[in-house]
Amino acid sequence: MELPELLRRARRVVVCGIGNEVRGDDAFGVLVAERLKELVENPNVLVLNCGEVPESYTGKITKFEPDLVIFVDAVDFGGEHGEVILADPEGTLGEAVSTHSLPLKVLVGYLKTRLNAEFVLLGCQPAVLGLFQEPSEVVVERAEALAESMAGVLNETEG
């Protein structure tokens, strides 16, 4: 299923941006979340900048009672630099490059015991991951484009 279709079908959506802003392209999820916070004005959408600790947001996620949870993160899946994919966060697709301590599949497994929701991962192939490096121009552009396209759909499904 394509992302716009998933977003239109959902009644309540949580978007979790994951990443480390000082590790180059690992900032992808954080960049998307911060831009979405500026663009989305729908009370049925909760956007969280989870940084490196998405597990710290389980209370906010469950309290919101979403039927769709989207994790946005830099993921090394062997794709082209800046390529964005939609995947199962419990699948075996590459490894998140973020330095978050709890694997995403463990977090999703826990959330599934608390929520009747669908979970997806939007992953972007990183190239630049050094400490204190800026994200690459390609990844910044992908984050902006993704946030704008998601916001368009999320804002139209209000109410």
N, C-alpha and C. Protein backbone atom coordinates (compact mmCIF):
# COMPACT_ATOMS: atom_id res chain seq x y z
N MET A 1 0.84 -1.18 0.00
CA MET A 1 0.00 0.00 0.00
C MET A 1 0.89 1.25 0.00
N GLU A 2 0.45 2.26 -0.71
CA GLU A 2 1.20 3.51 -0.79
C GLU A 2 0.89 4.40 0.41
N LEU A 3 1.83 5.28 0.73
CA LEU A 3 1.69 6.15 1.90
C LEU A 3 0.44 7.03 1.84
N PRO A 4 0.15 7.73 0.74
CA PRO A 4 -1.05 8.57 0.75
C PRO A 4 -2.33 7.78 1.07
N GLU A 5 -2.41 6.56 0.56
CA GLU A 5 -3.57 5.72 0.83
C GLU A 5 -3.65 5.36 2.32
N LEU A 6 -2.51 5.00 2.91
CA LEU A 6 -2.47 4.71 4.35
C LEU A 6 -2.92 5.92 5.16
N LEU A 7 -2.44 7.09 4.81
CA LEU A 7 -2.78 8.30 5.54
C LEU A 7 -4.26 8.65 5.41
N ARG A 8 -4.80 8.50 4.21
CA ARG A 8 -6.22 8.82 4.00
C ARG A 8 -7.14 7.85 4.73
N ARG A 9 -6.72 6.62 4.85
CA ARG A 9 -7.52 5.58 5.50
C ARG A 9 -7.54 5.72 7.02
N ALA A 10 -6.51 6.33 7.57
CA ALA A 10 -6.36 6.41 9.03
C ALA A 10 -7.24 7.51 9.61
N ARG A 11 -7.77 7.24 10.78
CA ARG A 11 -8.58 8.21 11.50
C ARG A 11 -7.71 9.09 12.38
N ARG A 12 -6.77 8.46 13.11
CA ARG A 12 -5.83 9.18 13.97
C ARG A 12 -4.43 8.68 13.68
N VAL A 13 -3.50 9.61 13.50
CA VAL A 13 -2.15 9.27 13.07
C VAL A 13 -1.12 9.86 14.03
N VAL A 14 -0.12 9.04 14.37
CA VAL A 14 1.06 9.53 15.08
C VAL A 14 2.25 9.37 14.15
N VAL A 15 3.03 10.44 14.01
CA VAL A 15 4.27 10.40 13.25
C VAL A 15 5.41 10.60 14.24
N CYS A 16 6.31 9.62 14.27
CA CYS A 16 7.46 9.65 15.18
C CYS A 16 8.74 9.85 14.38
N GLY A 17 9.31 11.02 14.48
CA GLY A 17 10.59 11.29 13.84
C GLY A 17 11.71 10.82 14.75
N ILE A 18 12.58 9.96 14.23
CA ILE A 18 13.66 9.37 15.02
C ILE A 18 14.99 9.77 14.40
N GLY A 19 15.97 10.09 15.24
CA GLY A 19 17.29 10.38 14.71
C GLY A 19 18.12 11.26 15.62
N ASN A 20 19.33 11.51 15.16
CA ASN A 20 20.29 12.31 15.89
C ASN A 20 20.73 13.46 15.00
N GLU A 21 20.42 14.67 15.42
CA GLU A 21 20.67 15.86 14.60
C GLU A 21 22.15 16.17 14.40
N VAL A 22 23.03 15.59 15.18
CA VAL A 22 24.46 15.88 15.02
C VAL A 22 25.21 14.76 14.33
N ARG A 23 24.47 13.84 13.69
CA ARG A 23 25.11 12.74 12.97
C ARG A 23 24.68 12.72 11.50
N GLY A 24 24.82 13.84 10.85
CA GLY A 24 24.57 13.92 9.42
C GLY A 24 23.18 13.47 9.03
N ASP A 25 23.12 12.50 8.10
CA ASP A 25 21.84 12.04 7.54
C ASP A 25 20.96 11.32 8.56
N ASP A 26 21.49 10.98 9.72
CA ASP A 26 20.67 10.37 10.76
C ASP A 26 19.60 11.35 11.24
N ALA A 27 19.72 12.61 10.88
CA ALA A 27 18.74 13.63 11.27
C ALA A 27 17.45 13.54 10.45
N PHE A 28 17.39 12.66 9.46
CA PHE A 28 16.24 12.59 8.55
C PHE A 28 14.89 12.60 9.27
N GLY A 29 14.69 11.69 10.21
CA GLY A 29 13.40 11.60 10.90
C GLY A 29 13.07 12.84 11.70
N VAL A 30 14.07 13.43 12.31
CA VAL A 30 13.89 14.65 13.09
C VAL A 30 13.52 15.81 12.17
N LEU A 31 14.18 15.90 11.01
CA LEU A 31 13.88 16.95 10.04
C LEU A 31 12.43 16.85 9.55
N VAL A 32 11.99 15.63 9.26
CA VAL A 32 10.61 15.43 8.80
C VAL A 32 9.63 15.84 9.91
N ALA A 33 9.87 15.40 11.12
CA ALA A 33 8.97 15.70 12.24
C ALA A 33 8.88 17.20 12.49
N GLU A 34 10.01 17.87 12.51
CA GLU A 34 9.99 19.31 12.79
C GLU A 34 9.25 20.08 11.70
N ARG A 35 9.44 19.68 10.45
CA ARG A 35 8.71 20.35 9.35
C ARG A 35 7.22 20.04 9.42
N LEU A 36 6.86 18.80 9.73
CA LEU A 36 5.45 18.45 9.86
C LEU A 36 4.77 19.25 10.97
N LYS A 37 5.48 19.48 12.06
CA LYS A 37 4.90 20.28 13.15
C LYS A 37 4.51 21.66 12.67
N GLU A 38 5.27 22.22 11.72
CA GLU A 38 4.96 23.53 11.16
C GLU A 38 3.79 23.48 10.18
N LEU A 39 3.64 22.36 9.49
CA LEU A 39 2.69 22.28 8.38
C LEU A 39 1.33 21.67 8.72
N VAL A 40 1.28 20.77 9.70
CA VAL A 40 0.05 20.03 9.97
C VAL A 40 -0.79 20.72 11.04
N GLU A 41 -2.04 20.97 10.69
CA GLU A 41 -2.98 21.61 11.62
C GLU A 41 -4.22 20.75 11.76
N ASN A 42 -4.02 19.50 12.08
CA ASN A 42 -5.12 18.55 12.20
C ASN A 42 -5.09 17.97 13.61
N PRO A 43 -6.17 18.11 14.39
CA PRO A 43 -6.17 17.60 15.76
C PRO A 43 -6.10 16.08 15.85
N ASN A 44 -6.29 15.39 14.73
CA ASN A 44 -6.22 13.93 14.70
C ASN A 44 -4.83 13.43 14.29
N VAL A 45 -3.86 14.34 14.29
CA VAL A 45 -2.49 13.99 13.95
C VAL A 45 -1.57 14.49 15.07
N LEU A 46 -0.74 13.59 15.58
CA LEU A 46 0.25 13.93 16.59
C LEU A 46 1.63 13.69 15.99
N VAL A 47 2.44 14.75 15.95
CA VAL A 47 3.79 14.64 15.42
C VAL A 47 4.77 14.75 16.59
N LEU A 48 5.64 13.75 16.72
CA LEU A 48 6.61 13.71 17.81
C LEU A 48 8.02 13.68 17.27
N ASN A 49 8.85 14.56 17.79
CA ASN A 49 10.29 14.50 17.51
C ASN A 49 10.87 13.65 18.63
N CYS A 50 11.07 12.38 18.36
CA CYS A 50 11.52 11.43 19.38
C CYS A 50 13.03 11.41 19.56
N GLY A 51 13.76 12.09 18.68
CA GLY A 51 15.21 12.08 18.79
C GLY A 51 15.73 10.65 18.82
N GLU A 52 16.59 10.37 19.77
CA GLU A 52 17.21 9.05 19.88
C GLU A 52 16.47 8.11 20.82
N VAL A 53 15.37 8.58 21.41
CA VAL A 53 14.69 7.78 22.43
C VAL A 53 13.19 7.62 22.14
N PRO A 54 12.83 6.98 21.04
CA PRO A 54 11.40 6.82 20.74
C PRO A 54 10.66 6.05 21.83
N GLU A 55 11.37 5.19 22.54
CA GLU A 55 10.72 4.42 23.61
C GLU A 55 10.21 5.32 24.73
N SER A 56 10.75 6.52 24.86
CA SER A 56 10.30 7.46 25.89
C SER A 56 8.95 8.08 25.56
N TYR A 57 8.45 7.85 24.36
CA TYR A 57 7.20 8.45 23.92
C TYR A 57 6.03 7.45 23.88
N THR A 58 6.23 6.26 24.42
CA THR A 58 5.16 5.25 24.35
C THR A 58 3.89 5.73 25.05
N GLY A 59 4.03 6.45 26.15
CA GLY A 59 2.85 6.96 26.86
C GLY A 59 2.06 7.93 26.01
N LYS A 60 2.74 8.88 25.36
CA LYS A 60 2.05 9.85 24.50
C LYS A 60 1.41 9.16 23.31
N ILE A 61 2.11 8.19 22.75
CA ILE A 61 1.58 7.48 21.58
C ILE A 61 0.31 6.72 21.97
N THR A 62 0.35 5.95 23.04
CA THR A 62 -0.82 5.15 23.43
C THR A 62 -1.98 6.03 23.88
N LYS A 63 -1.69 7.10 24.59
CA LYS A 63 -2.75 7.99 25.07
C LYS A 63 -3.51 8.63 23.89
N PHE A 64 -2.82 8.88 22.79
CA PHE A 64 -3.44 9.50 21.62
C PHE A 64 -4.39 8.53 20.90
N GLU A 65 -4.21 7.24 21.12
CA GLU A 65 -5.04 6.18 20.53
C GLU A 65 -5.10 6.24 19.00
N PRO A 66 -3.93 6.19 18.36
CA PRO A 66 -3.92 6.24 16.89
C PRO A 66 -4.30 4.90 16.28
N ASP A 67 -4.70 4.94 15.01
CA ASP A 67 -4.87 3.69 14.27
C ASP A 67 -3.76 3.52 13.23
N LEU A 68 -2.87 4.52 13.15
CA LEU A 68 -1.68 4.42 12.30
C LEU A 68 -0.52 5.13 13.00
N VAL A 69 0.60 4.42 13.14
CA VAL A 69 1.82 5.00 13.71
C VAL A 69 2.91 4.88 12.65
N ILE A 70 3.50 6.03 12.31
CA ILE A 70 4.54 6.07 11.29
C ILE A 70 5.86 6.45 11.96
N PHE A 71 6.86 5.60 11.82
CA PHE A 71 8.20 5.90 12.30
C PHE A 71 9.01 6.38 11.10
N VAL A 72 9.69 7.51 11.26
CA VAL A 72 10.50 8.07 10.19
C VAL A 72 11.94 8.08 10.68
N ASP A 73 12.83 7.40 9.94
CA ASP A 73 14.20 7.23 10.42
C ASP A 73 15.14 7.01 9.24
N ALA A 74 16.41 7.26 9.47
CA ALA A 74 17.45 6.90 8.51
C ALA A 74 17.69 5.40 8.67
N VAL A 75 17.66 4.68 7.56
CA VAL A 75 17.82 3.23 7.59
C VAL A 75 18.75 2.81 6.46
N ASP A 76 19.76 2.04 6.80
CA ASP A 76 20.67 1.54 5.78
C ASP A 76 20.11 0.25 5.20
N PHE A 77 19.44 0.38 4.06
CA PHE A 77 18.84 -0.79 3.40
C PHE A 77 19.53 -1.08 2.06
N GLY A 78 20.67 -0.42 1.84
CA GLY A 78 21.43 -0.67 0.62
C GLY A 78 20.89 0.05 -0.60
N GLY A 79 20.05 1.05 -0.39
CA GLY A 79 19.48 1.79 -1.51
C GLY A 79 20.37 2.93 -1.96
N GLU A 80 19.85 3.72 -2.88
CA GLU A 80 20.56 4.91 -3.35
C GLU A 80 20.50 5.98 -2.26
N HIS A 81 21.54 6.76 -2.13
CA HIS A 81 21.58 7.85 -1.16
C HIS A 81 20.35 8.73 -1.32
N GLY A 82 19.58 8.87 -0.24
CA GLY A 82 18.38 9.70 -0.27
C GLY A 82 17.11 8.97 -0.66
N GLU A 83 17.22 7.71 -1.06
CA GLU A 83 16.04 6.93 -1.43
C GLU A 83 15.17 6.70 -0.19
N VAL A 84 13.87 6.87 -0.37
CA VAL A 84 12.92 6.69 0.74
C VAL A 84 12.05 5.49 0.45
N ILE A 85 11.87 4.64 1.47
CA ILE A 85 11.05 3.44 1.31
C ILE A 85 10.03 3.36 2.43
N LEU A 86 8.96 2.64 2.15
CA LEU A 86 7.92 2.35 3.12
C LEU A 86 8.06 0.88 3.47
N ALA A 87 8.19 0.57 4.76
CA ALA A 87 8.49 -0.81 5.15
C ALA A 87 7.80 -1.17 6.48
N ASP A 88 7.86 -2.44 6.79
CA ASP A 88 7.37 -2.97 8.06
C ASP A 88 8.45 -2.74 9.11
N PRO A 89 8.15 -1.99 10.19
CA PRO A 89 9.18 -1.73 11.19
C PRO A 89 9.63 -2.97 11.97
N GLU A 90 8.88 -4.05 11.84
CA GLU A 90 9.28 -5.29 12.50
C GLU A 90 10.00 -6.23 11.54
N GLY A 91 10.13 -5.80 10.29
CA GLY A 91 10.76 -6.64 9.28
C GLY A 91 12.27 -6.66 9.40
N THR A 92 12.90 -7.26 8.43
CA THR A 92 14.34 -7.43 8.45
C THR A 92 15.05 -6.46 7.52
N LEU A 93 14.38 -5.37 7.18
CA LEU A 93 14.92 -4.39 6.26
C LEU A 93 16.05 -3.62 6.92
N GLY A 94 17.26 -3.87 6.56
CA GLY A 94 18.40 -3.08 7.04
C GLY A 94 18.36 -2.81 8.53
N GLU A 95 19.19 -1.93 8.96
CA GLU A 95 19.23 -1.53 10.36
C GLU A 95 19.11 -0.03 10.44
N ALA A 96 18.33 0.43 11.41
CA ALA A 96 18.27 1.86 11.65
C ALA A 96 19.67 2.30 12.05
N VAL A 97 20.11 3.41 11.52
CA VAL A 97 21.46 3.86 11.82
C VAL A 97 21.48 4.75 13.05
N SER A 98 20.31 5.12 13.53
CA SER A 98 20.24 5.96 14.72
C SER A 98 20.87 5.23 15.89
N THR A 99 21.26 6.01 16.85
CA THR A 99 21.89 5.43 18.02
C THR A 99 20.88 5.16 19.12
N HIS A 100 19.59 5.10 18.76
CA HIS A 100 18.60 4.80 19.80
C HIS A 100 18.84 3.40 20.34
N SER A 101 18.61 3.24 21.62
CA SER A 101 19.05 2.02 22.30
C SER A 101 18.12 0.83 22.10
N LEU A 102 16.83 1.07 21.96
CA LEU A 102 15.88 -0.02 21.83
C LEU A 102 15.55 -0.25 20.35
N PRO A 103 15.75 -1.47 19.84
CA PRO A 103 15.43 -1.71 18.43
C PRO A 103 13.95 -1.41 18.14
N LEU A 104 13.69 -0.88 16.96
CA LEU A 104 12.34 -0.49 16.58
C LEU A 104 11.37 -1.66 16.65
N LYS A 105 11.82 -2.86 16.28
CA LYS A 105 10.91 -4.01 16.31
C LYS A 105 10.46 -4.32 17.73
N VAL A 106 11.31 -4.08 18.73
CA VAL A 106 10.93 -4.29 20.13
C VAL A 106 9.90 -3.24 20.55
N LEU A 107 10.14 -2.00 20.18
CA LEU A 107 9.21 -0.92 20.49
C LEU A 107 7.85 -1.18 19.87
N VAL A 108 7.84 -1.56 18.60
CA VAL A 108 6.57 -1.85 17.92
C VAL A 108 5.87 -3.03 18.57
N GLY A 109 6.61 -4.07 18.91
CA GLY A 109 6.01 -5.22 19.60
C GLY A 109 5.32 -4.81 20.89
N TYR A 110 5.95 -3.93 21.65
CA TYR A 110 5.33 -3.43 22.88
C TYR A 110 4.08 -2.62 22.57
N LEU A 111 4.17 -1.70 21.61
CA LEU A 111 3.02 -0.86 21.29
C LEU A 111 1.84 -1.68 20.78
N LYS A 112 2.12 -2.77 20.10
CA LYS A 112 1.03 -3.64 19.62
C LYS A 112 0.26 -4.28 20.76
N THR A 113 0.88 -4.41 21.93
CA THR A 113 0.14 -4.94 23.08
C THR A 113 -0.78 -3.88 23.68
N ARG A 114 -0.57 -2.64 23.33
CA ARG A 114 -1.33 -1.52 23.90
C ARG A 114 -2.33 -0.90 22.92
N LEU A 115 -2.08 -1.07 21.62
CA LEU A 115 -2.87 -0.39 20.60
C LEU A 115 -3.34 -1.35 19.51
N ASN A 116 -4.50 -1.05 18.98
CA ASN A 116 -4.96 -1.74 17.77
C ASN A 116 -4.67 -0.78 16.62
N ALA A 117 -3.42 -0.78 16.17
CA ALA A 117 -2.99 0.18 15.16
C ALA A 117 -2.11 -0.50 14.13
N GLU A 118 -1.95 0.18 13.02
CA GLU A 118 -1.02 -0.25 11.98
C GLU A 118 0.28 0.52 12.19
N PHE A 119 1.41 -0.14 11.96
CA PHE A 119 2.71 0.47 12.16
C PHE A 119 3.51 0.38 10.86
N VAL A 120 4.09 1.52 10.45
CA VAL A 120 4.93 1.52 9.26
C VAL A 120 6.20 2.32 9.53
N LEU A 121 7.21 2.02 8.73
CA LEU A 121 8.48 2.70 8.80
C LEU A 121 8.73 3.40 7.47
N LEU A 122 9.02 4.69 7.54
CA LEU A 122 9.49 5.43 6.38
C LEU A 122 10.99 5.59 6.58
N GLY A 123 11.75 4.88 5.77
CA GLY A 123 13.20 4.90 5.92
C GLY A 123 13.87 5.62 4.78
N CYS A 124 14.93 6.35 5.10
CA CYS A 124 15.72 7.05 4.09
C CYS A 124 17.14 6.54 4.14
N GLN A 125 17.68 6.21 2.97
CA GLN A 125 19.06 5.72 2.88
C GLN A 125 20.05 6.85 3.15
N PRO A 126 20.84 6.73 4.21
CA PRO A 126 21.82 7.77 4.54
C PRO A 126 23.14 7.56 3.80
N ALA A 127 23.96 8.61 3.80
CA ALA A 127 25.32 8.49 3.29
C ALA A 127 26.31 9.12 4.27
N VAL A 128 25.92 10.23 4.87
CA VAL A 128 26.79 10.98 5.77
C VAL A 128 26.34 10.74 7.20
N LEU A 129 27.19 10.08 8.01
CA LEU A 129 26.78 9.74 9.38
C LEU A 129 27.78 10.14 10.45
N GLY A 130 28.78 10.91 10.08
CA GLY A 130 29.81 11.28 11.04
C GLY A 130 29.31 12.22 12.11
N LEU A 131 29.91 12.14 13.26
CA LEU A 131 29.57 13.00 14.38
C LEU A 131 29.86 14.46 14.01
N PHE A 132 28.93 15.33 14.35
CA PHE A 132 29.00 16.77 14.10
C PHE A 132 29.02 17.12 12.62
N GLN A 133 28.46 16.25 11.78
CA GLN A 133 28.33 16.56 10.37
C GLN A 133 26.92 17.03 10.08
N GLU A 134 26.80 17.88 9.09
CA GLU A 134 25.50 18.35 8.64
C GLU A 134 24.86 17.26 7.78
N PRO A 135 23.52 17.18 7.77
CA PRO A 135 22.88 16.23 6.85
C PRO A 135 23.17 16.64 5.40
N SER A 136 23.25 15.65 4.52
CA SER A 136 23.52 15.95 3.12
C SER A 136 22.35 16.71 2.51
N GLU A 137 22.65 17.45 1.46
CA GLU A 137 21.63 18.24 0.76
C GLU A 137 20.51 17.34 0.24
N VAL A 138 20.87 16.17 -0.27
CA VAL A 138 19.88 15.23 -0.80
C VAL A 138 18.89 14.81 0.29
N VAL A 139 19.39 14.47 1.46
CA VAL A 139 18.52 14.02 2.56
C VAL A 139 17.66 15.17 3.08
N VAL A 140 18.22 16.36 3.15
CA VAL A 140 17.42 17.52 3.58
C VAL A 140 16.28 17.77 2.58
N GLU A 141 16.58 17.68 1.29
CA GLU A 141 15.55 17.87 0.26
C GLU A 141 14.47 16.79 0.36
N ARG A 142 14.89 15.52 0.58
CA ARG A 142 13.92 14.42 0.70
C ARG A 142 13.02 14.62 1.92
N ALA A 143 13.62 15.06 3.03
CA ALA A 143 12.85 15.29 4.26
C ALA A 143 11.80 16.38 4.03
N GLU A 144 12.20 17.46 3.39
CA GLU A 144 11.27 18.56 3.10
C GLU A 144 10.15 18.10 2.18
N ALA A 145 10.49 17.41 1.11
CA ALA A 145 9.48 16.95 0.15
C ALA A 145 8.51 15.96 0.80
N LEU A 146 9.05 15.04 1.60
CA LEU A 146 8.20 14.07 2.28
C LEU A 146 7.25 14.75 3.25
N ALA A 147 7.76 15.68 4.04
CA ALA A 147 6.93 16.39 5.00
C ALA A 147 5.81 17.17 4.29
N GLU A 148 6.15 17.81 3.20
CA GLU A 148 5.13 18.58 2.47
C GLU A 148 4.06 17.69 1.87
N SER A 149 4.45 16.56 1.30
CA SER A 149 3.45 15.67 0.71
C SER A 149 2.59 15.02 1.79
N MET A 150 3.20 14.62 2.91
CA MET A 150 2.43 14.05 4.02
C MET A 150 1.46 15.08 4.59
N ALA A 151 1.93 16.31 4.78
CA ALA A 151 1.09 17.36 5.35
C ALA A 151 -0.12 17.64 4.48
N GLY A 152 0.08 17.61 3.17
CA GLY A 152 -1.04 17.84 2.27
C GLY A 152 -2.15 16.84 2.49
N VAL A 153 -1.81 15.58 2.62
CA VAL A 153 -2.81 14.52 2.85
C VAL A 153 -3.37 14.60 4.27
N LEU A 154 -2.50 14.80 5.25
CA LEU A 154 -2.95 14.83 6.65
C LEU A 154 -3.87 16.00 6.93
N ASN A 155 -3.64 17.13 6.30
CA ASN A 155 -4.52 18.29 6.51
C ASN A 155 -5.85 18.15 5.80
N GLU A 156 -5.90 17.42 4.70
CA GLU A 156 -7.16 17.26 3.97
C GLU A 156 -8.10 16.27 4.65
N THR A 157 -7.56 15.42 5.52
CA THR A 157 -8.40 14.41 6.17
C THR A 157 -8.87 14.84 7.55
N GLU A 158 -8.80 16.13 7.84
CA GLU A 158 -9.21 16.63 9.16
C GLU A 158 -10.68 16.37 9.43
N GLY A 159 -10.94 16.04 10.70
CA GLY A 159 -12.32 15.88 11.16
C GLY A 159 -12.82 14.53 10.91
